[in-house]
Amino acid sequence: MLNKAQEEILTILQEECAEVIQAVSKVRRFGEANNIEQLEQEVADVLCMINLAYMHGVLVKDEERLKNRITVKEERLKKYSRIFEDSKELRYEDLNEHQKNNVDWFGSPNGA
């Protein structure tokens, strides 16, 4: 059973995710020029709430399981999207151990 802080974290996380959806919509409808900064802020807010979810035990951090889930998602994206076509995008699985230990992003050892 979740305590009050955990319940509040989930509520705020849910609200922040909705705000990301709205910000993405504005970038797509009205362009990056006036909206990308708001999108970045909303994504940062979501990452903050994810970090709090881990800190307060809503989510249990398991680096290996998290890396596996990231890899599974990337594989699905490779199959069902065009994101990785002719792309040199950085993927977690392509990083060397030093990079994995020093990259500051969600899903890395220094992340959430």
C-alpha atoms as a PDB file:
ATOM      1  CA  MET A   1       0.000   0.000   0.000  1.00  0.00           C
ATOM      2  CA  LEU A   2       1.284   3.444  -0.919  1.00  0.00           C
ATOM      3  CA  ASN A   3       1.818   6.094   1.735  1.00  0.00           C
ATOM      4  CA  LYS A   4       0.651   9.715   1.324  1.00  0.00           C
ATOM      5  CA  ALA A   5       3.942  10.936  -0.155  1.00  0.00           C
ATOM      6  CA  GLN A   6       3.989   8.084  -2.676  1.00  0.00           C
ATOM      7  CA  GLU A   7       0.383   8.806  -3.667  1.00  0.00           C
ATOM      8  CA  GLU A   8       1.223  12.473  -4.156  1.00  0.00           C
ATOM      9  CA  ILE A   9       4.284  11.602  -6.239  1.00  0.00           C
ATOM     10  CA  LEU A  10       2.155   9.445  -8.543  1.00  0.00           C
ATOM     11  CA  THR A  11      -0.485  12.164  -8.874  1.00  0.00           C
ATOM     12  CA  ILE A  12       2.080  14.823  -9.738  1.00  0.00           C
ATOM     13  CA  LEU A  13       3.911  12.454 -12.114  1.00  0.00           C
ATOM     14  CA  GLN A  14       0.624  11.826 -13.901  1.00  0.00           C
ATOM     15  CA  GLU A  15      -0.039  15.558 -14.187  1.00  0.00           C
ATOM     16  CA  GLU A  16       3.488  16.246 -15.438  1.00  0.00           C
ATOM     17  CA  CYS A  17       3.153  13.546 -18.108  1.00  0.00           C
ATOM     18  CA  ALA A  18      -0.026  15.249 -19.311  1.00  0.00           C
ATOM     19  CA  GLU A  19       1.863  18.540 -19.489  1.00  0.00           C
ATOM     20  CA  VAL A  20       4.538  16.877 -21.663  1.00  0.00           C
ATOM     21  CA  ILE A  21       1.789  15.714 -23.994  1.00  0.00           C
ATOM     22  CA  GLN A  22       0.454  19.256 -24.257  1.00  0.00           C
ATOM     23  CA  ALA A  23       3.944  20.716 -24.832  1.00  0.00           C
ATOM     24  CA  VAL A  24       4.689  18.167 -27.576  1.00  0.00           C
ATOM     25  CA  SER A  25       1.419  19.101 -29.243  1.00  0.00           C
ATOM     26  CA  LYS A  26       2.368  22.784 -29.211  1.00  0.00           C
ATOM     27  CA  VAL A  27       5.798  22.081 -30.717  1.00  0.00           C
ATOM     28  CA  ARG A  28       4.180  20.074 -33.499  1.00  0.00           C
ATOM     29  CA  ARG A  29       1.393  22.600 -34.128  1.00  0.00           C
ATOM     30  CA  PHE A  30       3.261  25.876 -33.728  1.00  0.00           C
ATOM     31  CA  GLY A  31       6.919  24.957 -34.200  1.00  0.00           C
ATOM     32  CA  GLU A  32       9.994  24.769 -32.052  1.00  0.00           C
ATOM     33  CA  ALA A  33      10.828  28.462 -31.932  1.00  0.00           C
ATOM     34  CA  ASN A  34       8.343  29.414 -29.251  1.00  0.00           C
ATOM     35  CA  ASN A  35       7.669  26.058 -27.652  1.00  0.00           C
ATOM     36  CA  ILE A  36      10.785  23.907 -27.332  1.00  0.00           C
ATOM     37  CA  GLU A  37      11.837  25.568 -24.082  1.00  0.00           C
ATOM     38  CA  GLN A  38       8.484  24.714 -22.503  1.00  0.00           C
ATOM     39  CA  LEU A  39       8.817  21.112 -23.698  1.00  0.00           C
ATOM     40  CA  GLU A  40      12.279  20.888 -22.142  1.00  0.00           C
ATOM     41  CA  GLN A  41      10.913  22.209 -18.842  1.00  0.00           C
ATOM     42  CA  GLU A  42       8.047  19.725 -18.830  1.00  0.00           C
ATOM     43  CA  VAL A  43      10.395  16.820 -19.583  1.00  0.00           C
ATOM     44  CA  ALA A  44      12.654  17.977 -16.738  1.00  0.00           C
ATOM     45  CA  ASP A  45       9.628  18.041 -14.439  1.00  0.00           C
ATOM     46  CA  VAL A  46       8.786  14.445 -15.387  1.00  0.00           C
ATOM     47  CA  LEU A  47      12.371  13.341 -14.786  1.00  0.00           C
ATOM     48  CA  CYS A  48      12.263  15.048 -11.384  1.00  0.00           C
ATOM     49  CA  MET A  49       9.127  13.127 -10.465  1.00  0.00           C
ATOM     50  CA  ILE A  50      10.616   9.846 -11.706  1.00  0.00           C
ATOM     51  CA  ASN A  51      13.654  10.488  -9.511  1.00  0.00           C
ATOM     52  CA  LEU A  52      11.364  11.157  -6.547  1.00  0.00           C
ATOM     53  CA  ALA A  53       9.437   7.969  -7.316  1.00  0.00           C
ATOM     54  CA  TYR A  54      12.683   6.021  -6.999  1.00  0.00           C
ATOM     55  CA  MET A  55      13.799   7.932  -3.901  1.00  0.00           C
ATOM     56  CA  HIS A  56      10.490   7.261  -2.125  1.00  0.00           C
ATOM     57  CA  GLY A  57      10.221   3.606  -3.106  1.00  0.00           C
ATOM     58  CA  VAL A  58       7.328   3.957  -5.532  1.00  0.00           C
ATOM     59  CA  LEU A  59       9.676   2.408  -8.077  1.00  0.00           C
ATOM     60  CA  VAL A  60      12.482   0.038  -7.148  1.00  0.00           C
ATOM     61  CA  LYS A  61      15.735   0.755  -8.935  1.00  0.00           C
ATOM     62  CA  ASP A  62      17.288  -2.293 -10.545  1.00  0.00           C
ATOM     63  CA  GLU A  63      19.990  -1.138 -12.978  1.00  0.00           C
ATOM     64  CA  GLU A  64      20.122  -4.407 -14.890  1.00  0.00           C
ATOM     65  CA  ARG A  65      16.356  -4.629 -15.309  1.00  0.00           C
ATOM     66  CA  LEU A  66      16.202  -0.959 -16.304  1.00  0.00           C
ATOM     67  CA  LYS A  67      18.937  -1.389 -18.938  1.00  0.00           C
ATOM     68  CA  ASN A  68      17.137  -4.470 -20.263  1.00  0.00           C
ATOM     69  CA  ARG A  69      13.848  -2.566 -20.541  1.00  0.00           C
ATOM     70  CA  ILE A  70      15.596   0.265 -22.388  1.00  0.00           C
ATOM     71  CA  THR A  71      17.092  -2.240 -24.816  1.00  0.00           C
ATOM     72  CA  VAL A  72      13.712  -3.940 -25.325  1.00  0.00           C
ATOM     73  CA  LYS A  73      12.115  -0.569 -26.117  1.00  0.00           C
ATOM     74  CA  GLU A  74      14.899   0.335 -28.548  1.00  0.00           C
ATOM     75  CA  GLU A  75      14.442  -2.997 -30.327  1.00  0.00           C
ATOM     76  CA  ARG A  76      10.696  -2.371 -30.660  1.00  0.00           C
ATOM     77  CA  LEU A  77      11.411   1.114 -31.977  1.00  0.00           C
ATOM     78  CA  LYS A  78      13.847  -0.313 -34.524  1.00  0.00           C
ATOM     79  CA  LYS A  79      11.126  -2.657 -35.694  1.00  0.00           C
ATOM     80  CA  TYR A  80       8.108  -0.347 -35.646  1.00  0.00           C
ATOM     81  CA  SER A  81       9.537   3.144 -36.173  1.00  0.00           C
ATOM     82  CA  ARG A  82      12.028   4.962 -38.357  1.00  0.00           C
ATOM     83  CA  ILE A  83      13.955   6.541 -35.475  1.00  0.00           C
ATOM     84  CA  PHE A  84      17.096   4.456 -35.947  1.00  0.00           C
ATOM     85  CA  GLU A  85      17.092   4.330 -39.754  1.00  0.00           C
ATOM     86  CA  ASP A  86      20.279   5.891 -41.140  1.00  0.00           C
ATOM     87  CA  SER A  87      20.840   7.404 -37.752  1.00  0.00           C
ATOM     88  CA  LYS A  88      23.893   7.846 -35.626  1.00  0.00           C
ATOM     89  CA  GLU A  89      21.790   8.418 -32.519  1.00  0.00           C
ATOM     90  CA  LEU A  90      23.412   7.554 -29.210  1.00  0.00           C
ATOM     91  CA  ARG A  91      21.957   4.438 -27.623  1.00  0.00           C
ATOM     92  CA  TYR A  92      22.681   3.239 -24.105  1.00  0.00           C
ATOM     93  CA  GLU A  93      23.757  -0.187 -25.346  1.00  0.00           C
ATOM     94  CA  ASP A  94      26.392   1.410 -27.610  1.00  0.00           C
ATOM     95  CA  LEU A  95      28.166   3.235 -24.790  1.00  0.00           C
ATOM     96  CA  ASN A  96      31.373   1.871 -23.338  1.00  0.00           C
ATOM     97  CA  GLU A  97      31.494   1.187 -19.586  1.00  0.00           C
ATOM     98  CA  HIS A  98      33.136   4.525 -18.780  1.00  0.00           C
ATOM     99  CA  GLN A  99      30.428   6.398 -20.699  1.00  0.00           C
ATOM    100  CA  LYS A 100      27.658   4.352 -19.064  1.00  0.00           C
ATOM    101  CA  ASN A 101      28.998   5.267 -15.645  1.00  0.00           C
ATOM    102  CA  ASN A 102      29.319   8.965 -16.452  1.00  0.00           C
ATOM    103  CA  VAL A 103      26.340   9.784 -18.663  1.00  0.00           C
ATOM    104  CA  ASP A 104      23.869  11.965 -16.801  1.00  0.00           C
ATOM    105  CA  TRP A 105      20.502  10.863 -18.159  1.00  0.00           C
ATOM    106  CA  PHE A 106      17.607   8.814 -16.912  1.00  0.00           C
ATOM    107  CA  GLY A 107      18.438   5.130 -17.067  1.00  0.00           C
ATOM    108  CA  SER A 108      22.147   5.610 -16.503  1.00  0.00           C
ATOM    109  CA  PRO A 109      23.911   4.714 -13.277  1.00  0.00           C
ATOM    110  CA  ASN A 110      23.997   8.441 -12.456  1.00  0.00           C
ATOM    111  CA  GLY A 111      20.366   8.958 -13.447  1.00  0.00           C
ATOM    112  CA  ALA A 112      17.134   8.200 -11.646  1.00  0.00           C
END
